C-alpha atoms as a PDB file:
ATOM      1  CA  MET A   1       0.000   0.000   0.000  1.00  0.00           C
ATOM      2  CA  SER A   2       1.198   3.504  -0.683  1.00  0.00           C
ATOM      3  CA  SER A   3       2.053   6.006   2.001  1.00  0.00           C
ATOM      4  CA  HIS A   4      -1.420   7.462   1.573  1.00  0.00           C
ATOM      5  CA  ASP A   5      -4.095   5.431   3.298  1.00  0.00           C
ATOM      6  CA  SER A   6      -7.472   5.356   1.675  1.00  0.00           C
ATOM      7  CA  THR A   7     -10.536   6.120   3.730  1.00  0.00           C
ATOM      8  CA  LEU A   8     -12.443   3.096   4.950  1.00  0.00           C
ATOM      9  CA  GLU A   9     -16.187   3.439   4.583  1.00  0.00           C
ATOM     10  CA  LEU A  10     -17.989   2.438   7.770  1.00  0.00           C
ATOM     11  CA  VAL A  11     -20.555  -0.164   6.805  1.00  0.00           C
ATOM     12  CA  THR A  12     -22.562  -1.735   9.613  1.00  0.00           C
ATOM     13  CA  ASN A  13     -25.178  -3.685   7.695  1.00  0.00           C
ATOM     14  CA  LEU A  14     -23.143  -6.434   6.034  1.00  0.00           C
ATOM     15  CA  ASP A  15     -24.897  -9.786   5.849  1.00  0.00           C
ATOM     16  CA  ARG A  16     -23.142 -13.171   5.790  1.00  0.00           C
ATOM     17  CA  ALA A  17     -22.465 -12.943   2.053  1.00  0.00           C
ATOM     18  CA  GLY A  18     -20.969  -9.475   2.438  1.00  0.00           C
ATOM     19  CA  ILE A  19     -18.803 -10.510   5.377  1.00  0.00           C
ATOM     20  CA  GLU A  20     -17.570 -13.620   3.580  1.00  0.00           C
ATOM     21  CA  ALA A  21     -16.829 -11.624   0.418  1.00  0.00           C
ATOM     22  CA  ARG A  22     -14.767  -9.119   2.393  1.00  0.00           C
ATOM     23  CA  LEU A  23     -12.931 -11.925   4.183  1.00  0.00           C
ATOM     24  CA  ALA A  24     -12.032 -13.370   0.771  1.00  0.00           C
ATOM     25  CA  GLU A  25     -10.687  -9.946  -0.268  1.00  0.00           C
ATOM     26  CA  ILE A  26      -8.673  -9.692   2.950  1.00  0.00           C
ATOM     27  CA  ARG A  27      -7.300 -13.188   2.424  1.00  0.00           C
ATOM     28  CA  SER A  28      -6.236 -12.276  -1.103  1.00  0.00           C
ATOM     29  CA  SER A  29      -4.631  -9.039   0.097  1.00  0.00           C
ATOM     30  CA  ALA A  30      -2.778 -10.918   2.821  1.00  0.00           C
ATOM     31  CA  GLN A  31      -1.440 -13.415   0.293  1.00  0.00           C
ATOM     32  CA  SER A  32      -0.315 -10.582  -1.991  1.00  0.00           C
ATOM     33  CA  ALA A  33       1.445  -8.919   0.943  1.00  0.00           C
ATOM     34  CA  GLY A  34       3.315 -12.113   1.794  1.00  0.00           C
ATOM     35  CA  LEU A  35       1.263 -12.732   4.931  1.00  0.00           C
ATOM     36  CA  ALA A  36       0.581 -16.413   4.331  1.00  0.00           C
ATOM     37  CA  GLU A  37      -0.148 -17.085   8.002  1.00  0.00           C
ATOM     38  CA  LEU A  38      -2.861 -14.427   8.038  1.00  0.00           C
ATOM     39  CA  ALA A  39      -4.328 -15.647   4.758  1.00  0.00           C
ATOM     40  CA  GLN A  40      -4.467 -19.203   6.103  1.00  0.00           C
ATOM     41  CA  MET A  41      -6.534 -18.047   9.096  1.00  0.00           C
ATOM     42  CA  PHE A  42      -9.454 -17.470   6.713  1.00  0.00           C
ATOM     43  CA  ALA A  43      -9.073 -20.491   4.430  1.00  0.00           C
ATOM     44  CA  ASP A  44     -12.161 -22.169   5.867  1.00  0.00           C
ATOM     45  CA  ALA A  45     -14.192 -19.025   6.578  1.00  0.00           C
ATOM     46  CA  PRO A  46     -17.001 -19.520   4.027  1.00  0.00           C
ATOM     47  CA  GLY A  47     -19.950 -21.109   5.796  1.00  0.00           C
ATOM     48  CA  ALA A  48     -18.204 -21.151   9.180  1.00  0.00           C
ATOM     49  CA  PRO A  49     -20.331 -20.598  12.289  1.00  0.00           C
ATOM     50  CA  ARG A  50     -20.419 -17.097  13.741  1.00  0.00           C
ATOM     51  CA  ALA A  51     -18.399 -18.104  16.813  1.00  0.00           C
ATOM     52  CA  LEU A  52     -15.585 -19.461  14.643  1.00  0.00           C
ATOM     53  CA  LEU A  53     -15.529 -16.325  12.480  1.00  0.00           C
ATOM     54  CA  GLU A  54     -15.390 -14.187  15.624  1.00  0.00           C
ATOM     55  CA  GLN A  55     -12.465 -16.246  16.877  1.00  0.00           C
ATOM     56  CA  LYS A  56     -10.633 -16.024  13.545  1.00  0.00           C
ATOM     57  CA  ILE A  57     -11.157 -12.272  13.133  1.00  0.00           C
ATOM     58  CA  ARG A  58     -10.093 -11.486  16.702  1.00  0.00           C
ATOM     59  CA  GLY A  59      -7.092 -13.782  16.381  1.00  0.00           C
ATOM     60  CA  ALA A  60      -6.088 -12.065  13.151  1.00  0.00           C
ATOM     61  CA  LEU A  61      -6.391  -8.646  14.790  1.00  0.00           C
ATOM     62  CA  LYS A  62      -4.108  -9.800  17.613  1.00  0.00           C
ATOM     63  CA  TRP A  63      -1.679 -11.221  15.059  1.00  0.00           C
ATOM     64  CA  LEU A  64      -1.617  -7.880  13.209  1.00  0.00           C
ATOM     65  CA  ALA A  65      -1.305  -5.772  16.375  1.00  0.00           C
ATOM     66  CA  ASP A  66       2.487  -5.552  16.166  1.00  0.00           C
ATOM     67  CA  LYS A  67       2.582  -5.078  12.393  1.00  0.00           C
ATOM     68  CA  PRO A  68       1.964  -1.353  11.793  1.00  0.00           C
ATOM     69  CA  ASP A  69       2.767  -1.709   8.096  1.00  0.00           C
ATOM     70  CA  HIS A  70      -0.477  -3.627   7.699  1.00  0.00           C
ATOM     71  CA  LYS A  71      -2.851  -1.326   9.545  1.00  0.00           C
ATOM     72  CA  ALA A  72      -5.143  -1.153   6.498  1.00  0.00           C
ATOM     73  CA  LEU A  73      -5.781  -4.900   6.775  1.00  0.00           C
ATOM     74  CA  ALA A  74      -6.441  -4.499  10.492  1.00  0.00           C
ATOM     75  CA  ALA A  75      -8.923  -1.701   9.803  1.00  0.00           C
ATOM     76  CA  ARG A  76     -10.793  -3.897   7.319  1.00  0.00           C
ATOM     77  CA  LEU A  77     -10.943  -6.701   9.885  1.00  0.00           C
ATOM     78  CA  GLU A  78     -12.216  -4.281  12.526  1.00  0.00           C
ATOM     79  CA  LEU A  79     -15.018  -3.335  10.160  1.00  0.00           C
ATOM     80  CA  LEU A  80     -15.972  -6.996   9.858  1.00  0.00           C
ATOM     81  CA  GLU A  81     -15.805  -7.399  13.621  1.00  0.00           C
ATOM     82  CA  ILE A  82     -18.405  -4.624  13.933  1.00  0.00           C
ATOM     83  CA  ASN A  83     -20.649  -6.529  11.517  1.00  0.00           C
ATOM     84  CA  LEU A  84     -20.429  -9.930  13.243  1.00  0.00           C
ATOM     85  CA  PRO A  85     -23.760  -9.460  15.067  1.00  0.00           C
ATOM     86  CA  ASN A  86     -25.422  -9.464  11.618  1.00  0.00           C
ATOM     87  CA  LEU A  87     -24.449 -13.091  11.009  1.00  0.00           C
ATOM     88  CA  LYS A  88     -27.276 -15.576  11.053  1.00  0.00           C
END
């Protein structure tokens, strides 16, 4: 990512399909950034129960906590964390 961060739009009404689509985008971005461990955290995300997705997202945020170069990925995960109550 460039030195200019793009603005993240706050979306709080994502449904399961929207959350899973964004997780796929995050996984792809992680792979492109050489973060294979992060990408692997979401390999089985599609169709996973809410509790497992919560665990994976929170684990990924902890994993990224000491990686300031990847704060854009963390911000995208935080957005998904906000939307977890929408999962059915």
